């Protein structure tokens, strides 16, 4: 399950928690490509600003703000392919579940 408050609010007692992150620029690049492929006309700068604004709002909201759970493992996906991220997550789960 993924979401901005899953590890801190929804599944607080999960055996393994992973906090995925990437730089604003990388997240914007991914979103820009996705929207471009759908024919949506938006600038890279607009997407960067939207992401920064959403992060600020989510991180400062009064109820269930965006934050990494203390027991979550941080996975920075900035310079990784989807396959690399999947492999890292599987490795973390195997270790956490003693598989």
PDB file of N, CA and C in Angstrom:
ATOM      1  N   UNK A   1       0.856  -1.154   0.000  1.00  0.00           N
ATOM      2  CA  UNK A   1       0.000   0.000   0.000  1.00  0.00           C
ATOM      3  C   UNK A   1       0.909   1.226   0.000  1.00  0.00           C
ATOM      4  N   UNK A   2       0.506   2.237  -0.722  1.00  0.00           N
ATOM      5  CA  UNK A   2       1.294   3.457  -0.716  1.00  0.00           C
ATOM      6  C   UNK A   2       0.395   4.658  -0.450  1.00  0.00           C
ATOM      7  N   UNK A   3       1.008   5.697   0.018  1.00  0.00           N
ATOM      8  CA  UNK A   3       0.296   6.928   0.320  1.00  0.00           C
ATOM      9  C   UNK A   3       1.141   7.777   1.238  1.00  0.00           C
ATOM     10  N   UNK A   4       0.742   9.008   1.404  1.00  0.00           N
ATOM     11  CA  UNK A   4       1.563   9.957   2.144  1.00  0.00           C
ATOM     12  C   UNK A   4       1.448   9.822   3.660  1.00  0.00           C
ATOM     13  N   UNK A   5       0.511   9.038   4.169  1.00  0.00           N
ATOM     14  CA  UNK A   5       0.438   8.850   5.624  1.00  0.00           C
ATOM     15  C   UNK A   5       0.231   7.387   6.007  1.00  0.00           C
ATOM     16  N   UNK A   6       0.586   6.485   5.123  1.00  0.00           N
ATOM     17  CA  UNK A   6       0.359   5.060   5.373  1.00  0.00           C
ATOM     18  C   UNK A   6       1.183   4.564   6.564  1.00  0.00           C
ATOM     19  N   UNK A   7       2.478   4.840   6.583  1.00  0.00           N
ATOM     20  CA  UNK A   7       3.349   4.338   7.653  1.00  0.00           C
ATOM     21  C   UNK A   7       3.168   5.027   8.981  1.00  0.00           C
ATOM     22  N   UNK A   8       2.640   6.253   8.964  1.00  0.00           N
ATOM     23  CA  UNK A   8       2.486   7.008  10.206  1.00  0.00           C
ATOM     24  C   UNK A   8       1.062   7.006  10.729  1.00  0.00           C
ATOM     25  N   UNK A   9       0.087   6.643   9.892  1.00  0.00           N
ATOM     26  CA  UNK A   9      -1.296   6.721  10.327  1.00  0.00           C
ATOM     27  C   UNK A   9      -2.107   5.465  10.010  1.00  0.00           C
ATOM     28  N   UNK A  10      -2.093   5.032   8.777  1.00  0.00           N
ATOM     29  CA  UNK A  10      -2.974   3.943   8.351  1.00  0.00           C
ATOM     30  C   UNK A  10      -2.470   2.582   8.820  1.00  0.00           C
ATOM     31  N   UNK A  11      -1.201   2.285   8.566  1.00  0.00           N
ATOM     32  CA  UNK A  11      -0.626   0.983   8.942  1.00  0.00           C
ATOM     33  C   UNK A  11       0.553   1.190   9.888  1.00  0.00           C
ATOM     34  N   UNK A  12       0.281   1.821  11.003  1.00  0.00           N
ATOM     35  CA  UNK A  12       1.332   2.164  11.971  1.00  0.00           C
ATOM     36  C   UNK A  12       2.094   0.950  12.489  1.00  0.00           C
ATOM     37  N   UNK A  13       1.453  -0.212  12.514  1.00  0.00           N
ATOM     38  CA  UNK A  13       2.078  -1.407  13.072  1.00  0.00           C
ATOM     39  C   UNK A  13       2.590  -2.369  12.004  1.00  0.00           C
ATOM     40  N   UNK A  14       2.755  -1.895  10.791  1.00  0.00           N
ATOM     41  CA  UNK A  14       3.244  -2.752   9.707  1.00  0.00           C
ATOM     42  C   UNK A  14       4.631  -3.296  10.053  1.00  0.00           C
ATOM     43  N   UNK A  15       4.891  -4.527   9.661  1.00  0.00           N
ATOM     44  CA  UNK A  15       6.163  -5.170   9.941  1.00  0.00           C
ATOM     45  C   UNK A  15       7.303  -4.497   9.179  1.00  0.00           C
ATOM     46  N   UNK A  16       7.030  -4.068   7.968  1.00  0.00           N
ATOM     47  CA  UNK A  16       8.034  -3.385   7.153  1.00  0.00           C
ATOM     48  C   UNK A  16       7.409  -2.112   6.601  1.00  0.00           C
ATOM     49  N   UNK A  17       8.120  -1.000   6.775  1.00  0.00           N
ATOM     50  CA  UNK A  17       7.676   0.284   6.233  1.00  0.00           C
ATOM     51  C   UNK A  17       8.783   0.851   5.374  1.00  0.00           C
ATOM     52  N   UNK A  18       8.403   1.299   4.201  1.00  0.00           N
ATOM     53  CA  UNK A  18       9.368   1.886   3.283  1.00  0.00           C
ATOM     54  C   UNK A  18       8.874   3.280   2.923  1.00  0.00           C
ATOM     55  N   UNK A  19       9.759   4.246   3.031  1.00  0.00           N
ATOM     56  CA  UNK A  19       9.445   5.630   2.684  1.00  0.00           C
ATOM     57  C   UNK A  19      10.172   5.959   1.393  1.00  0.00           C
ATOM     58  N   UNK A  20       9.413   6.008   0.291  1.00  0.00           N
ATOM     59  CA  UNK A  20      10.002   6.302  -1.006  1.00  0.00           C
ATOM     60  C   UNK A  20      10.127   7.804  -1.195  1.00  0.00           C
ATOM     61  N   UNK A  21      11.245   8.205  -1.753  1.00  0.00           N
ATOM     62  CA  UNK A  21      11.456   9.615  -2.037  1.00  0.00           C
ATOM     63  C   UNK A  21      12.255   9.747  -3.321  1.00  0.00           C
ATOM     64  N   UNK A  22      12.268  10.943  -3.847  1.00  0.00           N
ATOM     65  CA  UNK A  22      13.095  11.310  -4.999  1.00  0.00           C
ATOM     66  C   UNK A  22      13.174  12.827  -4.992  1.00  0.00           C
ATOM     67  N   UNK A  23      14.169  13.346  -5.649  1.00  0.00           N
ATOM     68  CA  UNK A  23      14.300  14.803  -5.706  1.00  0.00           C
ATOM     69  C   UNK A  23      13.089  15.409  -6.413  1.00  0.00           C
ATOM     70  N   UNK A  24      12.835  16.662  -6.124  1.00  0.00           N
ATOM     71  CA  UNK A  24      11.737  17.370  -6.791  1.00  0.00           C
ATOM     72  C   UNK A  24      11.935  17.322  -8.298  1.00  0.00           C
ATOM     73  N   UNK A  25      13.159  17.555  -8.737  1.00  0.00           N
ATOM     74  CA  UNK A  25      13.440  17.570 -10.168  1.00  0.00           C
ATOM     75  C   UNK A  25      13.174  16.213 -10.817  1.00  0.00           C
ATOM     76  N   UNK A  26      13.546  15.138 -10.146  1.00  0.00           N
ATOM     77  CA  UNK A  26      13.301  13.808 -10.697  1.00  0.00           C
ATOM     78  C   UNK A  26      11.814  13.500 -10.728  1.00  0.00           C
ATOM     79  N   UNK A  27      11.110  13.835  -9.673  1.00  0.00           N
ATOM     80  CA  UNK A  27       9.656  13.611  -9.649  1.00  0.00           C
ATOM     81  C   UNK A  27       8.972  14.430 -10.735  1.00  0.00           C
ATOM     82  N   UNK A  28       9.442  15.652 -10.938  1.00  0.00           N
ATOM     83  CA  UNK A  28       8.874  16.510 -11.980  1.00  0.00           C
ATOM     84  C   UNK A  28       9.186  15.943 -13.368  1.00  0.00           C
ATOM     85  N   UNK A  29      10.403  15.449 -13.555  1.00  0.00           N
ATOM     86  CA  UNK A  29      10.772  14.857 -14.843  1.00  0.00           C
ATOM     87  C   UNK A  29       9.858  13.680 -15.180  1.00  0.00           C
ATOM     88  N   UNK A  30       9.631  12.832 -14.195  1.00  0.00           N
ATOM     89  CA  UNK A  30       8.762  11.664 -14.402  1.00  0.00           C
ATOM     90  C   UNK A  30       7.338  12.099 -14.746  1.00  0.00           C
ATOM     91  N   UNK A  31       6.837  13.065 -14.003  1.00  0.00           N
ATOM     92  CA  UNK A  31       5.472  13.561 -14.229  1.00  0.00           C
ATOM     93  C   UNK A  31       5.377  14.268 -15.580  1.00  0.00           C
ATOM     94  N   UNK A  32       6.405  15.049 -15.928  1.00  0.00           N
ATOM     95  CA  UNK A  32       6.436  15.754 -17.206  1.00  0.00           C
ATOM     96  C   UNK A  32       6.340  14.762 -18.360  1.00  0.00           C
ATOM     97  N   UNK A  33       7.126  13.697 -18.307  1.00  0.00           N
ATOM     98  CA  UNK A  33       7.099  12.663 -19.351  1.00  0.00           C
ATOM     99  C   UNK A  33       5.718  12.015 -19.438  1.00  0.00           C
ATOM    100  N   UNK A  34       5.148  11.716 -18.275  1.00  0.00           N
ATOM    101  CA  UNK A  34       3.820  11.097 -18.235  1.00  0.00           C
ATOM    102  C   UNK A  34       2.782  12.009 -18.898  1.00  0.00           C
ATOM    103  N   UNK A  35       2.780  13.285 -18.533  1.00  0.00           N
ATOM    104  CA  UNK A  35       1.804  14.222 -19.082  1.00  0.00           C
ATOM    105  C   UNK A  35       2.050  14.500 -20.557  1.00  0.00           C
ATOM    106  N   UNK A  36       3.319  14.598 -20.943  1.00  0.00           N
ATOM    107  CA  UNK A  36       3.661  14.811 -22.349  1.00  0.00           C
ATOM    108  C   UNK A  36       3.130  13.657 -23.197  1.00  0.00           C
ATOM    109  N   UNK A  37       3.281  12.431 -22.704  1.00  0.00           N
ATOM    110  CA  UNK A  37       2.791  11.257 -23.433  1.00  0.00           C
ATOM    111  C   UNK A  37       1.267  11.235 -23.541  1.00  0.00           C
ATOM    112  N   UNK A  38       0.593  11.946 -22.647  1.00  0.00           N
ATOM    113  CA  UNK A  38      -0.867  12.051 -22.703  1.00  0.00           C
ATOM    114  C   UNK A  38      -1.320  13.265 -23.508  1.00  0.00           C
ATOM    115  N   UNK A  39      -0.337  14.030 -24.032  1.00  0.00           N
ATOM    116  CA  UNK A  39      -0.667  15.194 -24.833  1.00  0.00           C
ATOM    117  C   UNK A  39      -1.028  16.430 -24.029  1.00  0.00           C
ATOM    118  N   UNK A  40      -0.683  16.432 -22.750  1.00  0.00           N
ATOM    119  CA  UNK A  40      -0.994  17.575 -21.889  1.00  0.00           C
ATOM    120  C   UNK A  40       0.151  18.572 -21.964  1.00  0.00           C
ATOM    121  N   UNK A  41      -0.197  19.827 -22.229  1.00  0.00           N
ATOM    122  CA  UNK A  41       0.809  20.881 -22.395  1.00  0.00           C
ATOM    123  C   UNK A  41       1.038  21.588 -21.066  1.00  0.00           C
ATOM    124  N   UNK A  42       2.182  21.340 -20.467  1.00  0.00           N
ATOM    125  CA  UNK A  42       2.565  21.959 -19.207  1.00  0.00           C
ATOM    126  C   UNK A  42       4.088  22.068 -19.185  1.00  0.00           C
ATOM    127  N   UNK A  43       4.606  23.061 -18.505  1.00  0.00           N
ATOM    128  CA  UNK A  43       6.059  23.213 -18.473  1.00  0.00           C
ATOM    129  C   UNK A  43       6.646  22.426 -17.301  1.00  0.00           C
ATOM    130  N   UNK A  44       7.909  22.105 -17.449  1.00  0.00           N
ATOM    131  CA  UNK A  44       8.646  21.425 -16.387  1.00  0.00           C
ATOM    132  C   UNK A  44       8.630  22.277 -15.116  1.00  0.00           C
ATOM    133  N   UNK A  45       8.796  23.587 -15.273  1.00  0.00           N
ATOM    134  CA  UNK A  45       8.813  24.503 -14.129  1.00  0.00           C
ATOM    135  C   UNK A  45       7.470  24.508 -13.392  1.00  0.00           C
ATOM    136  N   UNK A  46       6.380  24.443 -14.139  1.00  0.00           N
ATOM    137  CA  UNK A  46       5.052  24.397 -13.504  1.00  0.00           C
ATOM    138  C   UNK A  46       4.908  23.131 -12.660  1.00  0.00           C
ATOM    139  N   UNK A  47       5.390  22.040 -13.188  1.00  0.00           N
ATOM    140  CA  UNK A  47       5.302  20.778 -12.447  1.00  0.00           C
ATOM    141  C   UNK A  47       6.171  20.839 -11.197  1.00  0.00           C
ATOM    142  N   UNK A  48       7.381  21.374 -11.309  1.00  0.00           N
ATOM    143  CA  UNK A  48       8.250  21.527 -10.133  1.00  0.00           C
ATOM    144  C   UNK A  48       7.548  22.346  -9.058  1.00  0.00           C
ATOM    145  N   UNK A  49       6.971  23.453  -9.463  1.00  0.00           N
ATOM    146  CA  UNK A  49       6.261  24.312  -8.505  1.00  0.00           C
ATOM    147  C   UNK A  49       5.083  23.590  -7.873  1.00  0.00           C
ATOM    148  N   UNK A  50       4.334  22.845  -8.674  1.00  0.00           N
ATOM    149  CA  UNK A  50       3.193  22.084  -8.140  1.00  0.00           C
ATOM    150  C   UNK A  50       3.655  21.059  -7.107  1.00  0.00           C
ATOM    151  N   UNK A  51       4.736  20.361  -7.397  1.00  0.00           N
ATOM    152  CA  UNK A  51       5.257  19.351  -6.474  1.00  0.00           C
ATOM    153  C   UNK A  51       5.736  20.009  -5.182  1.00  0.00           C
ATOM    154  N   UNK A  52       6.494  21.094  -5.302  1.00  0.00           N
ATOM    155  CA  UNK A  52       6.966  21.801  -4.100  1.00  0.00           C
ATOM    156  C   UNK A  52       5.791  22.285  -3.248  1.00  0.00           C
ATOM    157  N   UNK A  53       4.772  22.840  -3.899  1.00  0.00           N
ATOM    158  CA  UNK A  53       3.589  23.325  -3.172  1.00  0.00           C
ATOM    159  C   UNK A  53       2.868  22.177  -2.480  1.00  0.00           C
ATOM    160  N   UNK A  54       2.687  21.080  -3.173  1.00  0.00           N
ATOM    161  CA  UNK A  54       2.002  19.931  -2.564  1.00  0.00           C
ATOM    162  C   UNK A  54       2.805  19.400  -1.371  1.00  0.00           C
ATOM    163  N   UNK A  55       4.131  19.295  -1.529  1.00  0.00           N
ATOM    164  CA  UNK A  55       4.966  18.821  -0.422  1.00  0.00           C
ATOM    165  C   UNK A  55       4.845  19.749   0.785  1.00  0.00           C
ATOM    166  N   UNK A  56       4.853  21.042   0.545  1.00  0.00           N
ATOM    167  CA  UNK A  56       4.739  22.013   1.640  1.00  0.00           C
ATOM    168  C   UNK A  56       3.395  21.880   2.336  1.00  0.00           C
ATOM    169  N   UNK A  57       2.342  21.811   1.558  1.00  0.00           N
ATOM    170  CA  UNK A  57       0.995  21.678   2.135  1.00  0.00           C
ATOM    171  C   UNK A  57       0.882  20.376   2.926  1.00  0.00           C
ATOM    172  N   UNK A  58       1.309  19.275   2.312  1.00  0.00           N
ATOM    173  CA  UNK A  58       1.192  17.966   2.974  1.00  0.00           C
ATOM    174  C   UNK A  58       2.069  17.864   4.219  1.00  0.00           C
ATOM    175  N   UNK A  59       3.240  18.466   4.181  1.00  0.00           N
ATOM    176  CA  UNK A  59       4.155  18.401   5.323  1.00  0.00           C
ATOM    177  C   UNK A  59       3.718  19.281   6.482  1.00  0.00           C
ATOM    178  N   UNK A  60       2.904  20.279   6.203  1.00  0.00           N
ATOM    179  CA  UNK A  60       2.499  21.232   7.238  1.00  0.00           C
ATOM    180  C   UNK A  60       1.028  21.137   7.621  1.00  0.00           C
ATOM    181  N   UNK A  61       0.318  20.160   7.075  1.00  0.00           N
ATOM    182  CA  UNK A  61      -1.095  20.040   7.439  1.00  0.00           C
ATOM    183  C   UNK A  61      -1.214  19.616   8.897  1.00  0.00           C
ATOM    184  N   UNK A  62      -2.288  20.020   9.507  1.00  0.00           N
ATOM    185  CA  UNK A  62      -2.474  19.769  10.939  1.00  0.00           C
ATOM    186  C   UNK A  62      -2.710  18.291  11.242  1.00  0.00           C
ATOM    187  N   UNK A  63      -3.479  17.633  10.404  1.00  0.00           N
ATOM    188  CA  UNK A  63      -3.822  16.224  10.645  1.00  0.00           C
ATOM    189  C   UNK A  63      -3.001  15.347   9.702  1.00  0.00           C
ATOM    190  N   UNK A  64      -2.295  14.382  10.281  1.00  0.00           N
ATOM    191  CA  UNK A  64      -1.498  13.406   9.544  1.00  0.00           C
ATOM    192  C   UNK A  64      -0.563  14.040   8.507  1.00  0.00           C
ATOM    193  N   UNK A  65       0.352  14.879   8.935  1.00  0.00           N
ATOM    194  CA  UNK A  65       1.275  15.498   7.975  1.00  0.00           C
ATOM    195  C   UNK A  65       2.209  14.470   7.342  1.00  0.00           C
ATOM    196  N   UNK A  66       2.692  14.804   6.155  1.00  0.00           N
ATOM    197  CA  UNK A  66       3.648  13.961   5.453  1.00  0.00           C
ATOM    198  C   UNK A  66       4.950  13.926   6.238  1.00  0.00           C
ATOM    199  N   UNK A  67       5.351  12.734   6.631  1.00  0.00           N
ATOM    200  CA  UNK A  67       6.628  12.556   7.297  1.00  0.00           C
ATOM    201  C   UNK A  67       6.980  11.075   7.253  1.00  0.00           C
ATOM    202  N   UNK A  68       8.265  10.803   7.368  1.00  0.00           N
ATOM    203  CA  UNK A  68       8.743   9.423   7.398  1.00  0.00           C
ATOM    204  C   UNK A  68       8.514   8.872   8.798  1.00  0.00           C
ATOM    205  N   UNK A  69       7.927   7.693   8.883  1.00  0.00           N
ATOM    206  CA  UNK A  69       7.766   7.031  10.176  1.00  0.00           C
ATOM    207  C   UNK A  69       9.153   6.725  10.734  1.00  0.00           C
ATOM    208  N   UNK A  70       9.294   6.792  12.037  1.00  0.00           N
ATOM    209  CA  UNK A  70      10.599   6.556  12.671  1.00  0.00           C
ATOM    210  C   UNK A  70      11.192   5.206  12.297  1.00  0.00           C
ATOM    211  N   UNK A  71      10.335   4.203  12.125  1.00  0.00           N
ATOM    212  CA  UNK A  71      10.831   2.863  11.831  1.00  0.00           C
ATOM    213  C   UNK A  71      10.782   2.512  10.334  1.00  0.00           C
ATOM    214  N   UNK A  72      10.543   3.499   9.502  1.00  0.00           N
ATOM    215  CA  UNK A  72      10.514   3.258   8.055  1.00  0.00           C
ATOM    216  C   UNK A  72      11.927   3.310   7.488  1.00  0.00           C
ATOM    217  N   UNK A  73      12.121   2.572   6.431  1.00  0.00           N
ATOM    218  CA  UNK A  73      13.401   2.557   5.727  1.00  0.00           C
ATOM    219  C   UNK A  73      13.276   3.502   4.529  1.00  0.00           C
ATOM    220  N   UNK A  74      14.210   4.427   4.440  1.00  0.00           N
ATOM    221  CA  UNK A  74      14.209   5.411   3.364  1.00  0.00           C
ATOM    222  C   UNK A  74      14.807   4.806   2.099  1.00  0.00           C
ATOM    223  N   UNK A  75      14.074   4.930   1.000  1.00  0.00           N
ATOM    224  CA  UNK A  75      14.574   4.501  -0.303  1.00  0.00           C
ATOM    225  C   UNK A  75      14.485   5.702  -1.236  1.00  0.00           C
ATOM    226  N   UNK A  76      15.641   6.236  -1.604  1.00  0.00           N
ATOM    227  CA  UNK A  76      15.693   7.369  -2.527  1.00  0.00           C
ATOM    228  C   UNK A  76      15.756   6.804  -3.939  1.00  0.00           C
ATOM    229  N   UNK A  77      14.738   7.088  -4.732  1.00  0.00           N
ATOM    230  CA  UNK A  77      14.622   6.520  -6.072  1.00  0.00           C
ATOM    231  C   UNK A  77      15.154   7.448  -7.164  1.00  0.00           C
ATOM    232  N   UNK A  78      15.758   8.554  -6.774  1.00  0.00           N
ATOM    233  CA  UNK A  78      16.154   9.584  -7.732  1.00  0.00           C
ATOM    234  C   UNK A  78      16.938   9.041  -8.918  1.00  0.00           C
ATOM    235  N   UNK A  79      17.958   8.286  -8.674  1.00  0.00           N
ATOM    236  CA  UNK A  79      18.816   7.806  -9.764  1.00  0.00           C
ATOM    237  C   UNK A  79      18.641   6.321 -10.033  1.00  0.00           C
ATOM    238  N   UNK A  80      17.449   5.813  -9.785  1.00  0.00           N
ATOM    239  CA  UNK A  80      17.223   4.377  -9.940  1.00  0.00           C
ATOM    240  C   UNK A  80      16.108   4.101 -10.933  1.00  0.00           C
ATOM    241  N   UNK A  81      16.244   2.980 -11.626  1.00  0.00           N
ATOM    242  CA  UNK A  81      15.178   2.519 -12.518  1.00  0.00           C
ATOM    243  C   UNK A  81      14.078   1.876 -11.672  1.00  0.00           C
ATOM    244  N   UNK A  82      12.961   1.657 -12.284  1.00  0.00           N
ATOM    245  CA  UNK A  82      11.865   0.977 -11.582  1.00  0.00           C
ATOM    246  C   UNK A  82      12.342  -0.395 -11.106  1.00  0.00           C
ATOM    247  N   UNK A  83      13.051  -1.112 -11.963  1.00  0.00           N
ATOM    248  CA  UNK A  83      13.539  -2.447 -11.599  1.00  0.00           C
ATOM    249  C   UNK A  83      14.483  -2.390 -10.402  1.00  0.00           C
ATOM    250  N   UNK A  84      15.365  -1.396 -10.363  1.00  0.00           N
ATOM    251  CA  UNK A  84      16.282  -1.256  -9.232  1.00  0.00           C
ATOM    252  C   UNK A  84      15.520  -0.985  -7.937  1.00  0.00           C
ATOM    253  N   UNK A  85      14.487  -0.167  -8.014  1.00  0.00           N
ATOM    254  CA  UNK A  85      13.686   0.141  -6.832  1.00  0.00           C
ATOM    255  C   UNK A  85      12.943  -1.106  -6.367  1.00  0.00           C
ATOM    256  N   UNK A  86      12.362  -1.831  -7.297  1.00  0.00           N
ATOM    257  CA  UNK A  86      11.647  -3.069  -6.951  1.00  0.00           C
ATOM    258  C   UNK A  86      12.593  -4.050  -6.264  1.00  0.00           C
ATOM    259  N   UNK A  87      13.783  -4.227  -6.818  1.00  0.00           N
ATOM    260  CA  UNK A  87      14.751  -5.158  -6.226  1.00  0.00           C
ATOM    261  C   UNK A  87      15.158  -4.719  -4.822  1.00  0.00           C
ATOM    262  N   UNK A  88      15.345  -3.412  -4.625  1.00  0.00           N
ATOM    263  CA  UNK A  88      15.715  -2.914  -3.302  1.00  0.00           C
ATOM    264  C   UNK A  88      14.581  -3.144  -2.300  1.00  0.00           C
ATOM    265  N   UNK A  89      13.357  -2.904  -2.719  1.00  0.00           N
ATOM    266  CA  UNK A  89      12.206  -3.107  -1.833  1.00  0.00           C
ATOM    267  C   UNK A  89      12.050  -4.583  -1.483  1.00  0.00           C
ATOM    268  N   UNK A  90      12.187  -5.449  -2.464  1.00  0.00           N
ATOM    269  CA  UNK A  90      12.091  -6.890  -2.201  1.00  0.00           C
ATOM    270  C   UNK A  90      13.151  -7.320  -1.200  1.00  0.00           C
ATOM    271  N   UNK A  91      14.362  -6.807  -1.365  1.00  0.00           N
ATOM    272  CA  UNK A  91      15.445  -7.128  -0.427  1.00  0.00           C
ATOM    273  C   UNK A  91      15.104  -6.660   0.985  1.00  0.00           C
ATOM    274  N   UNK A  92      14.575  -5.467   1.096  1.00  0.00           N
ATOM    275  CA  UNK A  92      14.188  -4.932   2.412  1.00  0.00           C
ATOM    276  C   UNK A  92      13.097  -5.783   3.038  1.00  0.00           C
ATOM    277  N   UNK A  93      12.123  -6.160   2.240  1.00  0.00           N
ATOM    278  CA  UNK A  93      10.999  -6.979   2.765  1.00  0.00           C
ATOM    279  C   UNK A  93      11.514  -8.341   3.230  1.00  0.00           C
ATOM    280  N   UNK A  94      12.378  -8.943   2.441  1.00  0.00           N
ATOM    281  CA  UNK A  94      12.923 -10.253   2.840  1.00  0.00           C
ATOM    282  C   UNK A  94      13.675 -10.158   4.159  1.00  0.00           C
ATOM    283  N   UNK A  95      14.457  -9.127   4.329  1.00  0.00           N
ATOM    284  CA  UNK A  95      15.195  -8.943   5.582  1.00  0.00           C
ATOM    285  C   UNK A  95      14.239  -8.687   6.732  1.00  0.00           C
ATOM    286  N   UNK A  96      13.242  -7.834   6.505  1.00  0.00           N
ATOM    287  CA  UNK A  96      12.294  -7.464   7.561  1.00  0.00           C
ATOM    288  C   UNK A  96      11.379  -8.589   7.959  1.00  0.00           C
ATOM    289  N   UNK A  97      11.076  -9.451   7.013  1.00  0.00           N
ATOM    290  CA  UNK A  97      10.185 -10.576   7.286  1.00  0.00           C
ATOM    291  C   UNK A  97      10.973 -11.846   7.580  1.00  0.00           C
ATOM    292  N   UNK A  98      12.308 -11.723   7.636  1.00  0.00           N
ATOM    293  CA  UNK A  98      13.187 -12.869   7.884  1.00  0.00           C
ATOM    294  C   UNK A  98      12.949 -14.024   6.905  1.00  0.00           C
ATOM    295  N   UNK A  99      12.836 -13.670   5.627  1.00  0.00           N
ATOM    296  CA  UNK A  99      12.597 -14.700   4.598  1.00  0.00           C
ATOM    297  C   UNK A  99      13.900 -15.186   4.006  1.00  0.00           C
TER     298      UNK A  99
END
